[in-house]
């Protein structure tokens, strides 16, 4: 990756549910011999309850994610692990995006108060790769992986998540951003697509760029 104009110690993969973030992060970490940082979804005791009853458990699931991610990033910062190459499957701002989608106005105001009180100055990634997918394709992938906790995920909710993420990244300027359309890309099934994406990353500049592989 020496040809890139960017310092790429930390590449973060982002996107909504079912777009392939973790699969891509794992593939990049292996290919690039980098450390891997994955969000602790399975350890959230409220997630399955949230999918069953979003109005009742929205605030609980968001605060649980907030403190889990904060603890994870504090540990990394204390160990200076951001100084070596790292691939993560989320950025810290993701928590607020889901809070915007999941919470009422009153709950979101309370969430913001808590987040502002506990969040410290976190290091930003050197590059964010945003995986875009239609809600319909994302739902098919979620159904295929067949996780018990995701049984309650429906198309309407995925449409809300997709809209929130697309709006956020349409205005995103905090770091270089590569937007990748994934409706026709499955990095788990097509290893050559991963190599092509790495090649594209090596050409990244400092703004927002786009990439899609439509090779059959």
C-alpha atoms as a PDB file:
ATOM      1  CA  UNK A   1       0.000   0.000   0.000  1.00  0.00           C
ATOM      2  CA  UNK A   2       3.029   2.253  -0.296  1.00  0.00           C
ATOM      3  CA  UNK A   3       1.661   4.102  -3.336  1.00  0.00           C
ATOM      4  CA  UNK A   4      -1.174   5.719  -1.372  1.00  0.00           C
ATOM      5  CA  UNK A   5      -0.834   9.408  -0.515  1.00  0.00           C
ATOM      6  CA  UNK A   6      -2.363   8.638   2.891  1.00  0.00           C
ATOM      7  CA  UNK A   7      -0.923   7.312   6.109  1.00  0.00           C
ATOM      8  CA  UNK A   8      -3.049   4.182   6.501  1.00  0.00           C
ATOM      9  CA  UNK A   9      -2.402   2.941  10.028  1.00  0.00           C
ATOM     10  CA  UNK A  10      -6.129   2.657  10.739  1.00  0.00           C
ATOM     11  CA  UNK A  11      -8.731   1.699   8.116  1.00  0.00           C
ATOM     12  CA  UNK A  12     -12.311   1.589   9.380  1.00  0.00           C
ATOM     13  CA  UNK A  13     -15.095  -0.280   7.588  1.00  0.00           C
ATOM     14  CA  UNK A  14     -18.601   1.120   8.047  1.00  0.00           C
ATOM     15  CA  UNK A  15     -22.149   0.580   6.852  1.00  0.00           C
ATOM     16  CA  UNK A  16     -25.543  -0.593   7.982  1.00  0.00           C
ATOM     17  CA  UNK A  17     -26.593  -4.066   9.082  1.00  0.00           C
ATOM     18  CA  UNK A  18     -25.848  -6.930   6.697  1.00  0.00           C
ATOM     19  CA  UNK A  19     -23.540  -5.107   4.278  1.00  0.00           C
ATOM     20  CA  UNK A  20     -20.472  -7.275   4.998  1.00  0.00           C
ATOM     21  CA  UNK A  21     -18.401  -5.077   7.318  1.00  0.00           C
ATOM     22  CA  UNK A  22     -16.939  -7.821   9.479  1.00  0.00           C
ATOM     23  CA  UNK A  23     -16.179 -10.123   6.548  1.00  0.00           C
ATOM     24  CA  UNK A  24     -14.320  -7.339   4.758  1.00  0.00           C
ATOM     25  CA  UNK A  25     -12.482  -6.212   7.902  1.00  0.00           C
ATOM     26  CA  UNK A  26     -11.298  -9.771   8.564  1.00  0.00           C
ATOM     27  CA  UNK A  27     -10.182 -10.180   4.950  1.00  0.00           C
ATOM     28  CA  UNK A  28      -8.259  -6.902   4.913  1.00  0.00           C
ATOM     29  CA  UNK A  29      -6.601  -7.640   8.259  1.00  0.00           C
ATOM     30  CA  UNK A  30      -5.395 -11.002   6.952  1.00  0.00           C
ATOM     31  CA  UNK A  31      -4.190  -9.632   3.612  1.00  0.00           C
ATOM     32  CA  UNK A  32      -2.439  -6.627   5.144  1.00  0.00           C
ATOM     33  CA  UNK A  33      -1.149  -8.387   8.275  1.00  0.00           C
ATOM     34  CA  UNK A  34      -2.932  -5.837  10.461  1.00  0.00           C
ATOM     35  CA  UNK A  35      -4.533  -5.895  13.901  1.00  0.00           C
ATOM     36  CA  UNK A  36      -8.303  -6.466  13.848  1.00  0.00           C
ATOM     37  CA  UNK A  37     -10.828  -4.521  15.922  1.00  0.00           C
ATOM     38  CA  UNK A  38     -14.411  -5.842  15.885  1.00  0.00           C
ATOM     39  CA  UNK A  39     -17.393  -4.400  17.751  1.00  0.00           C
ATOM     40  CA  UNK A  40     -18.801  -6.601  20.522  1.00  0.00           C
ATOM     41  CA  UNK A  41     -22.299  -7.151  19.150  1.00  0.00           C
ATOM     42  CA  UNK A  42     -22.821 -10.581  20.696  1.00  0.00           C
ATOM     43  CA  UNK A  43     -22.070  -9.277  24.192  1.00  0.00           C
ATOM     44  CA  UNK A  44     -24.894  -6.729  24.191  1.00  0.00           C
ATOM     45  CA  UNK A  45     -27.583  -8.252  26.457  1.00  0.00           C
ATOM     46  CA  UNK A  46     -30.307  -5.951  25.081  1.00  0.00           C
ATOM     47  CA  UNK A  47     -29.884  -6.440  21.321  1.00  0.00           C
ATOM     48  CA  UNK A  48     -32.199  -9.407  20.838  1.00  0.00           C
ATOM     49  CA  UNK A  49     -34.743  -7.761  23.146  1.00  0.00           C
ATOM     50  CA  UNK A  50     -34.489  -4.578  21.073  1.00  0.00           C
ATOM     51  CA  UNK A  51     -35.302  -6.371  17.832  1.00  0.00           C
ATOM     52  CA  UNK A  52     -38.342  -7.890  19.566  1.00  0.00           C
ATOM     53  CA  UNK A  53     -39.555  -4.603  21.118  1.00  0.00           C
ATOM     54  CA  UNK A  54     -37.638  -1.535  19.807  1.00  0.00           C
ATOM     55  CA  UNK A  55     -39.635   1.109  21.678  1.00  0.00           C
ATOM     56  CA  UNK A  56     -39.080  -0.518  25.055  1.00  0.00           C
ATOM     57  CA  UNK A  57     -35.398  -1.439  24.719  1.00  0.00           C
ATOM     58  CA  UNK A  58     -33.993   1.238  22.383  1.00  0.00           C
ATOM     59  CA  UNK A  59     -32.313   3.353  25.061  1.00  0.00           C
ATOM     60  CA  UNK A  60     -30.943   0.311  26.901  1.00  0.00           C
ATOM     61  CA  UNK A  61     -29.326  -1.149  23.764  1.00  0.00           C
ATOM     62  CA  UNK A  62     -27.777   2.188  22.773  1.00  0.00           C
ATOM     63  CA  UNK A  63     -26.291   2.949  26.185  1.00  0.00           C
ATOM     64  CA  UNK A  64     -24.930  -0.589  26.373  1.00  0.00           C
ATOM     65  CA  UNK A  65     -23.241  -0.160  22.983  1.00  0.00           C
ATOM     66  CA  UNK A  66     -21.941   3.288  23.935  1.00  0.00           C
ATOM     67  CA  UNK A  67     -20.156   2.071  27.075  1.00  0.00           C
ATOM     68  CA  UNK A  68     -18.905  -1.127  25.412  1.00  0.00           C
ATOM     69  CA  UNK A  69     -17.356   0.764  22.486  1.00  0.00           C
ATOM     70  CA  UNK A  70     -15.965   3.471  24.746  1.00  0.00           C
ATOM     71  CA  UNK A  71     -14.267   0.882  26.969  1.00  0.00           C
ATOM     72  CA  UNK A  72     -12.834  -0.857  23.900  1.00  0.00           C
ATOM     73  CA  UNK A  73     -11.387   2.336  22.403  1.00  0.00           C
ATOM     74  CA  UNK A  74     -10.016   3.551  25.738  1.00  0.00           C
ATOM     75  CA  UNK A  75      -8.114   0.283  26.089  1.00  0.00           C
ATOM     76  CA  UNK A  76      -6.684   0.603  22.581  1.00  0.00           C
ATOM     77  CA  UNK A  77      -5.630   4.203  23.120  1.00  0.00           C
ATOM     78  CA  UNK A  78      -3.924   3.347  26.411  1.00  0.00           C
ATOM     79  CA  UNK A  79      -1.957   0.567  24.721  1.00  0.00           C
ATOM     80  CA  UNK A  80      -1.042   2.808  21.727  1.00  0.00           C
ATOM     81  CA  UNK A  81      -2.421   0.135  19.406  1.00  0.00           C
ATOM     82  CA  UNK A  82      -3.582   2.827  16.979  1.00  0.00           C
ATOM     83  CA  UNK A  83       0.110   3.396  16.149  1.00  0.00           C
ATOM     84  CA  UNK A  84       0.360   0.026  14.378  1.00  0.00           C
ATOM     85  CA  UNK A  85      -1.794  -0.940  11.408  1.00  0.00           C
ATOM     86  CA  UNK A  86      -5.374  -1.705  12.384  1.00  0.00           C
ATOM     87  CA  UNK A  87      -8.571  -2.641  10.578  1.00  0.00           C
ATOM     88  CA  UNK A  88     -11.860  -2.013  12.415  1.00  0.00           C
ATOM     89  CA  UNK A  89     -15.418  -2.864  11.416  1.00  0.00           C
ATOM     90  CA  UNK A  90     -16.892   0.372  12.794  1.00  0.00           C
ATOM     91  CA  UNK A  91     -16.180   3.986  13.635  1.00  0.00           C
ATOM     92  CA  UNK A  92     -17.161   5.426  16.991  1.00  0.00           C
ATOM     93  CA  UNK A  93     -19.725   7.773  15.382  1.00  0.00           C
ATOM     94  CA  UNK A  94     -21.780   4.705  14.435  1.00  0.00           C
ATOM     95  CA  UNK A  95     -23.287   4.588  17.912  1.00  0.00           C
ATOM     96  CA  UNK A  96     -24.875   8.008  17.476  1.00  0.00           C
ATOM     97  CA  UNK A  97     -26.269   7.057  14.055  1.00  0.00           C
ATOM     98  CA  UNK A  98     -28.139   4.098  15.504  1.00  0.00           C
ATOM     99  CA  UNK A  99     -29.278   6.231  18.435  1.00  0.00           C
ATOM    100  CA  UNK A 100     -30.765   8.719  15.949  1.00  0.00           C
ATOM    101  CA  UNK A 101     -32.604   5.852  14.259  1.00  0.00           C
ATOM    102  CA  UNK A 102     -33.746   3.950  17.347  1.00  0.00           C
ATOM    103  CA  UNK A 103     -34.627   6.544  19.976  1.00  0.00           C
ATOM    104  CA  UNK A 104     -37.442   9.008  20.563  1.00  0.00           C
ATOM    105  CA  UNK A 105     -36.526  12.702  20.758  1.00  0.00           C
ATOM    106  CA  UNK A 106     -36.583  12.598  24.559  1.00  0.00           C
ATOM    107  CA  UNK A 107     -34.462   9.446  24.726  1.00  0.00           C
ATOM    108  CA  UNK A 108     -32.000  10.828  22.188  1.00  0.00           C
ATOM    109  CA  UNK A 109     -31.578  14.004  24.255  1.00  0.00           C
ATOM    110  CA  UNK A 110     -30.768  11.871  27.306  1.00  0.00           C
ATOM    111  CA  UNK A 111     -28.415   9.689  25.255  1.00  0.00           C
ATOM    112  CA  UNK A 112     -26.577  12.824  24.059  1.00  0.00           C
ATOM    113  CA  UNK A 113     -26.140  14.072  27.616  1.00  0.00           C
ATOM    114  CA  UNK A 114     -24.603  10.772  28.679  1.00  0.00           C
ATOM    115  CA  UNK A 115     -22.406  10.510  25.569  1.00  0.00           C
ATOM    116  CA  UNK A 116     -21.042  14.034  25.970  1.00  0.00           C
ATOM    117  CA  UNK A 117     -20.247  13.363  29.633  1.00  0.00           C
ATOM    118  CA  UNK A 118     -18.271  10.166  29.071  1.00  0.00           C
ATOM    119  CA  UNK A 119     -16.711  10.446  25.599  1.00  0.00           C
ATOM    120  CA  UNK A 120     -13.107  11.560  25.345  1.00  0.00           C
ATOM    121  CA  UNK A 121     -11.069  12.730  22.327  1.00  0.00           C
ATOM    122  CA  UNK A 122     -10.818   9.557  20.246  1.00  0.00           C
ATOM    123  CA  UNK A 123      -8.331   9.096  17.403  1.00  0.00           C
ATOM    124  CA  UNK A 124      -9.847   9.247  13.919  1.00  0.00           C
ATOM    125  CA  UNK A 125      -9.233   6.590  11.264  1.00  0.00           C
ATOM    126  CA  UNK A 126      -6.899   7.405   8.395  1.00  0.00           C
ATOM    127  CA  UNK A 127      -9.488   6.070   5.941  1.00  0.00           C
ATOM    128  CA  UNK A 128     -13.137   5.058   6.207  1.00  0.00           C
ATOM    129  CA  UNK A 129     -14.553   2.533   3.731  1.00  0.00           C
ATOM    130  CA  UNK A 130     -18.344   2.920   3.645  1.00  0.00           C
ATOM    131  CA  UNK A 131     -20.158  -0.147   2.339  1.00  0.00           C
ATOM    132  CA  UNK A 132     -23.408   0.767   0.629  1.00  0.00           C
ATOM    133  CA  UNK A 133     -26.167  -1.750  -0.004  1.00  0.00           C
ATOM    134  CA  UNK A 134     -29.868  -1.672  -0.757  1.00  0.00           C
ATOM    135  CA  UNK A 135     -32.084  -2.624   2.213  1.00  0.00           C
ATOM    136  CA  UNK A 136     -33.456  -5.545   0.202  1.00  0.00           C
ATOM    137  CA  UNK A 137     -30.012  -7.063  -0.412  1.00  0.00           C
ATOM    138  CA  UNK A 138     -29.009  -6.439   3.208  1.00  0.00           C
ATOM    139  CA  UNK A 139     -32.114  -8.270   4.425  1.00  0.00           C
ATOM    140  CA  UNK A 140     -31.323 -11.280   2.234  1.00  0.00           C
ATOM    141  CA  UNK A 141     -27.812 -11.448   3.684  1.00  0.00           C
ATOM    142  CA  UNK A 142     -29.125 -11.174   7.230  1.00  0.00           C
ATOM    143  CA  UNK A 143     -31.565 -14.000   6.576  1.00  0.00           C
ATOM    144  CA  UNK A 144     -28.802 -16.141   5.056  1.00  0.00           C
ATOM    145  CA  UNK A 145     -26.492 -15.813   8.060  1.00  0.00           C
ATOM    146  CA  UNK A 146     -29.464 -16.793  10.267  1.00  0.00           C
ATOM    147  CA  UNK A 147     -28.445 -15.282  13.602  1.00  0.00           C
ATOM    148  CA  UNK A 148     -31.007 -15.831  16.347  1.00  0.00           C
ATOM    149  CA  UNK A 149     -30.753 -12.278  17.672  1.00  0.00           C
ATOM    150  CA  UNK A 150     -31.498 -10.835  14.211  1.00  0.00           C
ATOM    151  CA  UNK A 151     -34.788 -12.695  13.655  1.00  0.00           C
ATOM    152  CA  UNK A 152     -36.686  -9.484  14.377  1.00  0.00           C
ATOM    153  CA  UNK A 153     -34.882  -7.360  11.765  1.00  0.00           C
ATOM    154  CA  UNK A 154     -37.318  -6.289   9.051  1.00  0.00           C
ATOM    155  CA  UNK A 155     -37.152  -4.341   5.797  1.00  0.00           C
ATOM    156  CA  UNK A 156     -38.699  -1.158   7.195  1.00  0.00           C
ATOM    157  CA  UNK A 157     -36.051  -0.948   9.901  1.00  0.00           C
ATOM    158  CA  UNK A 158     -33.255  -1.553   7.388  1.00  0.00           C
ATOM    159  CA  UNK A 159     -34.630   1.252   5.219  1.00  0.00           C
ATOM    160  CA  UNK A 160     -34.414   3.620   8.199  1.00  0.00           C
ATOM    161  CA  UNK A 161     -30.846   2.533   8.957  1.00  0.00           C
ATOM    162  CA  UNK A 162     -29.789   2.889   5.313  1.00  0.00           C
ATOM    163  CA  UNK A 163     -31.275   6.384   5.076  1.00  0.00           C
ATOM    164  CA  UNK A 164     -29.524   7.506   8.271  1.00  0.00           C
ATOM    165  CA  UNK A 165     -26.134   6.160   7.169  1.00  0.00           C
ATOM    166  CA  UNK A 166     -26.424   7.538   3.622  1.00  0.00           C
ATOM    167  CA  UNK A 167     -27.264  11.016   4.923  1.00  0.00           C
ATOM    168  CA  UNK A 168     -24.371  10.923   7.364  1.00  0.00           C
ATOM    169  CA  UNK A 169     -21.772   9.854   4.815  1.00  0.00           C
ATOM    170  CA  UNK A 170     -23.134  12.198   2.128  1.00  0.00           C
ATOM    171  CA  UNK A 171     -21.927  15.044   4.346  1.00  0.00           C
ATOM    172  CA  UNK A 172     -18.923  13.237   5.866  1.00  0.00           C
ATOM    173  CA  UNK A 173     -15.640  15.158   5.732  1.00  0.00           C
ATOM    174  CA  UNK A 174     -13.772  14.110   8.880  1.00  0.00           C
ATOM    175  CA  UNK A 175     -11.433  11.674   7.096  1.00  0.00           C
ATOM    176  CA  UNK A 176     -10.801  10.375   3.572  1.00  0.00           C
ATOM    177  CA  UNK A 177     -13.775   8.261   2.531  1.00  0.00           C
ATOM    178  CA  UNK A 178     -14.130   5.456  -0.003  1.00  0.00           C
ATOM    179  CA  UNK A 179     -17.760   4.588  -0.789  1.00  0.00           C
ATOM    180  CA  UNK A 180     -18.132   0.997  -2.018  1.00  0.00           C
ATOM    181  CA  UNK A 181     -21.357  -0.305  -3.580  1.00  0.00           C
ATOM    182  CA  UNK A 182     -21.721  -3.909  -2.418  1.00  0.00           C
ATOM    183  CA  UNK A 183     -25.012  -5.115  -3.909  1.00  0.00           C
ATOM    184  CA  UNK A 184     -23.082  -7.222  -6.420  1.00  0.00           C
ATOM    185  CA  UNK A 185     -19.950  -7.836  -4.363  1.00  0.00           C
ATOM    186  CA  UNK A 186     -19.574 -10.640  -1.831  1.00  0.00           C
ATOM    187  CA  UNK A 187     -16.050 -10.482  -0.441  1.00  0.00           C
ATOM    188  CA  UNK A 188     -16.447 -13.872   1.256  1.00  0.00           C
ATOM    189  CA  UNK A 189     -17.261 -15.602  -2.024  1.00  0.00           C
ATOM    190  CA  UNK A 190     -14.970 -13.621  -4.326  1.00  0.00           C
ATOM    191  CA  UNK A 191     -11.406 -13.283  -2.974  1.00  0.00           C
ATOM    192  CA  UNK A 192     -10.339 -11.475  -6.147  1.00  0.00           C
ATOM    193  CA  UNK A 193     -12.743  -8.637  -5.285  1.00  0.00           C
ATOM    194  CA  UNK A 194     -10.803  -8.101  -2.058  1.00  0.00           C
ATOM    195  CA  UNK A 195      -7.563  -7.778  -4.030  1.00  0.00           C
ATOM    196  CA  UNK A 196      -9.214  -5.263  -6.364  1.00  0.00           C
ATOM    197  CA  UNK A 197     -10.464  -3.228  -3.420  1.00  0.00           C
ATOM    198  CA  UNK A 198      -6.984  -3.162  -1.877  1.00  0.00           C
ATOM    199  CA  UNK A 199      -5.619  -1.945  -5.191  1.00  0.00           C
ATOM    200  CA  UNK A 200      -8.264   0.793  -5.195  1.00  0.00           C
ATOM    201  CA  UNK A 201      -7.382   1.802  -1.642  1.00  0.00           C
ATOM    202  CA  UNK A 202      -3.762   2.283  -2.671  1.00  0.00           C
ATOM    203  CA  UNK A 203      -4.931   5.008  -5.071  1.00  0.00           C
ATOM    204  CA  UNK A 204      -6.938   6.965  -2.473  1.00  0.00           C
ATOM    205  CA  UNK A 205      -6.580  10.700  -2.146  1.00  0.00           C
ATOM    206  CA  UNK A 206      -7.801  12.902   0.684  1.00  0.00           C
ATOM    207  CA  UNK A 207     -11.434  13.463  -0.278  1.00  0.00           C
ATOM    208  CA  UNK A 208     -14.425  11.240  -0.968  1.00  0.00           C
ATOM    209  CA  UNK A 209     -14.110   8.668  -3.738  1.00  0.00           C
ATOM    210  CA  UNK A 210     -16.307   5.858  -5.076  1.00  0.00           C
ATOM    211  CA  UNK A 211     -15.719   2.273  -6.187  1.00  0.00           C
ATOM    212  CA  UNK A 212     -17.941  -0.515  -7.458  1.00  0.00           C
ATOM    213  CA  UNK A 213     -16.951  -3.799  -9.069  1.00  0.00           C
ATOM    214  CA  UNK A 214     -19.557  -5.037 -11.519  1.00  0.00           C
ATOM    215  CA  UNK A 215     -17.459  -7.879 -12.907  1.00  0.00           C
ATOM    216  CA  UNK A 216     -19.499 -11.086 -13.038  1.00  0.00           C
END
